[in-house]
Amino acid sequence: MSLRTGIASAAEPPLDCPCPPQGLVEVVGKKWALCVVTLLGKHGPLRFGMLQRSLPGVSPATLTSTLRQLSLEGILATVPVQRDRRARGSYGLTPKGLDLYRTLIPFSRWLRS
């Protein structure tokens, strides 16, 4: 890339980014993903209804999509809970999800300062 013009020539290879921001944004860049991770990190496994009530403004379809994506990324998993005669499930963080939550704590403190 020419410093003068800011345009890369065909002969110059692109620069490598030292951190993977695209991967991070793909995983947690969705509007509700960090909120879900924070709720589950603070309170432990929660049922769908409690997650929805705790996130005013999220539609059931959007929450379902967010939970599905976080599950596919290995950040959360369903946790079976036995109540009454029906088996029901809650959503809880996996070890990978707990690592993400612990990483978010300093960012939360920074945002509040």
C-alpha atoms as a PDB file:
ATOM      1  CA  MET A   1       0.000   0.000   0.000  1.00  0.00           C
ATOM      2  CA  SER A   2       1.305   3.371  -0.879  1.00  0.00           C
ATOM      3  CA  LEU A   3       1.470   5.600   2.162  1.00  0.00           C
ATOM      4  CA  ARG A   4       0.840   8.558  -0.055  1.00  0.00           C
ATOM      5  CA  THR A   5      -2.299   7.301  -1.768  1.00  0.00           C
ATOM      6  CA  GLY A   6      -3.537   4.661   0.673  1.00  0.00           C
ATOM      7  CA  ILE A   7      -4.088   2.301  -2.252  1.00  0.00           C
ATOM      8  CA  ALA A   8      -2.582  -1.174  -2.285  1.00  0.00           C
ATOM      9  CA  SER A   9      -0.719  -2.225  -5.381  1.00  0.00           C
ATOM     10  CA  ALA A  10      -1.233  -5.678  -6.865  1.00  0.00           C
ATOM     11  CA  ALA A  11       2.343  -6.652  -5.950  1.00  0.00           C
ATOM     12  CA  GLU A  12       1.910  -5.971  -2.236  1.00  0.00           C
ATOM     13  CA  PRO A  13       0.357  -8.698  -0.060  1.00  0.00           C
ATOM     14  CA  PRO A  14      -2.351  -7.626   2.379  1.00  0.00           C
ATOM     15  CA  LEU A  15      -1.333  -7.033   5.971  1.00  0.00           C
ATOM     16  CA  ASP A  16      -2.214  -9.688   8.527  1.00  0.00           C
ATOM     17  CA  CYS A  17      -4.366  -8.574  11.415  1.00  0.00           C
ATOM     18  CA  PRO A  18      -2.695  -9.557  14.727  1.00  0.00           C
ATOM     19  CA  CYS A  19      -6.057 -10.325  16.338  1.00  0.00           C
ATOM     20  CA  PRO A  20      -9.163 -12.046  14.962  1.00  0.00           C
ATOM     21  CA  PRO A  21     -11.839  -9.336  15.302  1.00  0.00           C
ATOM     22  CA  GLN A  22     -13.993 -10.837  12.575  1.00  0.00           C
ATOM     23  CA  GLY A  23     -14.256 -14.148  14.423  1.00  0.00           C
ATOM     24  CA  LEU A  24     -15.127 -12.359  17.634  1.00  0.00           C
ATOM     25  CA  VAL A  25     -17.812 -10.268  15.983  1.00  0.00           C
ATOM     26  CA  GLU A  26     -19.309 -13.331  14.295  1.00  0.00           C
ATOM     27  CA  VAL A  27     -19.653 -15.090  17.649  1.00  0.00           C
ATOM     28  CA  VAL A  28     -20.691 -12.329  20.044  1.00  0.00           C
ATOM     29  CA  GLY A  29     -21.428  -9.392  17.773  1.00  0.00           C
ATOM     30  CA  LYS A  30     -25.132 -10.094  17.568  1.00  0.00           C
ATOM     31  CA  LYS A  31     -27.289  -7.671  19.491  1.00  0.00           C
ATOM     32  CA  TRP A  32     -28.386 -10.035  22.270  1.00  0.00           C
ATOM     33  CA  ALA A  33     -25.480 -12.511  22.466  1.00  0.00           C
ATOM     34  CA  LEU A  34     -23.446 -10.670  25.110  1.00  0.00           C
ATOM     35  CA  CYS A  35     -26.573 -10.022  27.162  1.00  0.00           C
ATOM     36  CA  VAL A  36     -27.387 -13.744  27.176  1.00  0.00           C
ATOM     37  CA  VAL A  37     -23.811 -14.663  28.127  1.00  0.00           C
ATOM     38  CA  THR A  38     -23.824 -12.081  30.934  1.00  0.00           C
ATOM     39  CA  LEU A  39     -27.165 -13.266  32.343  1.00  0.00           C
ATOM     40  CA  LEU A  40     -26.101 -16.908  32.313  1.00  0.00           C
ATOM     41  CA  GLY A  41     -22.718 -16.033  33.795  1.00  0.00           C
ATOM     42  CA  LYS A  42     -24.277 -14.087  36.662  1.00  0.00           C
ATOM     43  CA  HIS A  43     -27.255 -16.313  37.421  1.00  0.00           C
ATOM     44  CA  GLY A  44     -26.392 -19.790  36.149  1.00  0.00           C
ATOM     45  CA  PRO A  45     -28.688 -21.859  33.943  1.00  0.00           C
ATOM     46  CA  LEU A  46     -31.957 -20.159  32.993  1.00  0.00           C
ATOM     47  CA  ARG A  47     -35.061 -21.257  31.141  1.00  0.00           C
ATOM     48  CA  PHE A  48     -36.104 -19.616  27.884  1.00  0.00           C
ATOM     49  CA  GLY A  49     -38.973 -17.678  29.488  1.00  0.00           C
ATOM     50  CA  MET A  50     -36.744 -16.187  32.182  1.00  0.00           C
ATOM     51  CA  LEU A  51     -34.159 -15.164  29.581  1.00  0.00           C
ATOM     52  CA  GLN A  52     -36.874 -13.490  27.522  1.00  0.00           C
ATOM     53  CA  ARG A  53     -38.346 -11.647  30.525  1.00  0.00           C
ATOM     54  CA  SER A  54     -34.853 -10.502  31.513  1.00  0.00           C
ATOM     55  CA  LEU A  55     -34.154  -9.060  28.050  1.00  0.00           C
ATOM     56  CA  PRO A  56     -36.906  -6.521  27.348  1.00  0.00           C
ATOM     57  CA  GLY A  57     -37.329  -5.955  23.650  1.00  0.00           C
ATOM     58  CA  VAL A  58     -36.048  -9.305  22.385  1.00  0.00           C
ATOM     59  CA  SER A  59     -38.530 -11.291  20.318  1.00  0.00           C
ATOM     60  CA  PRO A  60     -38.905 -15.042  20.824  1.00  0.00           C
ATOM     61  CA  ALA A  61     -37.571 -15.665  17.298  1.00  0.00           C
ATOM     62  CA  THR A  62     -34.517 -13.495  17.867  1.00  0.00           C
ATOM     63  CA  LEU A  63     -33.789 -15.097  21.234  1.00  0.00           C
ATOM     64  CA  THR A  64     -34.168 -18.568  19.704  1.00  0.00           C
ATOM     65  CA  SER A  65     -31.756 -17.632  16.925  1.00  0.00           C
ATOM     66  CA  THR A  66     -29.258 -16.184  19.411  1.00  0.00           C
ATOM     67  CA  LEU A  67     -29.400 -19.273  21.639  1.00  0.00           C
ATOM     68  CA  ARG A  68     -29.001 -21.550  18.625  1.00  0.00           C
ATOM     69  CA  GLN A  69     -25.952 -19.618  17.388  1.00  0.00           C
ATOM     70  CA  LEU A  70     -24.298 -19.566  20.823  1.00  0.00           C
ATOM     71  CA  SER A  71     -24.944 -23.314  21.085  1.00  0.00           C
ATOM     72  CA  LEU A  72     -23.361 -23.959  17.698  1.00  0.00           C
ATOM     73  CA  GLU A  73     -20.301 -21.976  18.803  1.00  0.00           C
ATOM     74  CA  GLY A  74     -20.013 -24.098  21.948  1.00  0.00           C
ATOM     75  CA  ILE A  75     -20.693 -21.166  24.290  1.00  0.00           C
ATOM     76  CA  LEU A  76     -23.863 -22.537  25.828  1.00  0.00           C
ATOM     77  CA  ALA A  77     -25.636 -25.841  26.120  1.00  0.00           C
ATOM     78  CA  THR A  78     -29.005 -27.052  27.285  1.00  0.00           C
ATOM     79  CA  VAL A  79     -29.057 -28.297  30.846  1.00  0.00           C
ATOM     80  CA  PRO A  80     -31.805 -30.814  31.646  1.00  0.00           C
ATOM     81  CA  VAL A  81     -33.997 -29.949  34.615  1.00  0.00           C
ATOM     82  CA  GLN A  82     -36.606 -32.375  35.944  1.00  0.00           C
ATOM     83  CA  ARG A  83     -39.738 -30.733  37.341  1.00  0.00           C
ATOM     84  CA  ASP A  84     -43.189 -32.196  37.653  1.00  0.00           C
ATOM     85  CA  ARG A  85     -43.768 -34.926  35.080  1.00  0.00           C
ATOM     86  CA  ARG A  86     -42.171 -33.162  32.120  1.00  0.00           C
ATOM     87  CA  ALA A  87     -38.467 -32.915  31.486  1.00  0.00           C
ATOM     88  CA  ARG A  88     -37.590 -29.322  30.735  1.00  0.00           C
ATOM     89  CA  GLY A  89     -34.346 -27.670  29.781  1.00  0.00           C
ATOM     90  CA  SER A  90     -32.457 -24.608  30.753  1.00  0.00           C
ATOM     91  CA  TYR A  91     -29.585 -22.909  29.014  1.00  0.00           C
ATOM     92  CA  GLY A  92     -26.220 -22.783  30.744  1.00  0.00           C
ATOM     93  CA  LEU A  93     -22.705 -21.727  29.847  1.00  0.00           C
ATOM     94  CA  THR A  94     -20.150 -24.302  28.790  1.00  0.00           C
ATOM     95  CA  PRO A  95     -16.536 -23.980  29.996  1.00  0.00           C
ATOM     96  CA  LYS A  96     -15.867 -21.961  26.827  1.00  0.00           C
ATOM     97  CA  GLY A  97     -18.844 -19.740  27.678  1.00  0.00           C
ATOM     98  CA  LEU A  98     -17.599 -19.247  31.244  1.00  0.00           C
ATOM     99  CA  ASP A  99     -14.222 -18.161  29.853  1.00  0.00           C
ATOM    100  CA  LEU A 100     -16.006 -15.641  27.632  1.00  0.00           C
ATOM    101  CA  TYR A 101     -18.058 -14.363  30.577  1.00  0.00           C
ATOM    102  CA  ARG A 102     -14.927 -13.917  32.723  1.00  0.00           C
ATOM    103  CA  THR A 103     -13.346 -12.014  29.834  1.00  0.00           C
ATOM    104  CA  LEU A 104     -16.354  -9.684  29.674  1.00  0.00           C
ATOM    105  CA  ILE A 105     -16.188  -8.675  33.352  1.00  0.00           C
ATOM    106  CA  PRO A 106     -13.338  -6.140  32.906  1.00  0.00           C
ATOM    107  CA  PHE A 107     -15.124  -4.678  29.877  1.00  0.00           C
ATOM    108  CA  SER A 108     -18.279  -4.248  31.956  1.00  0.00           C
ATOM    109  CA  ARG A 109     -16.326  -2.452  34.667  1.00  0.00           C
ATOM    110  CA  TRP A 110     -14.717  -0.234  32.036  1.00  0.00           C
ATOM    111  CA  LEU A 111     -18.120   0.643  30.545  1.00  0.00           C
ATOM    112  CA  ARG A 112     -19.463   1.656  33.968  1.00  0.00           C
ATOM    113  CA  SER A 113     -16.487   3.886  34.783  1.00  0.00           C
END
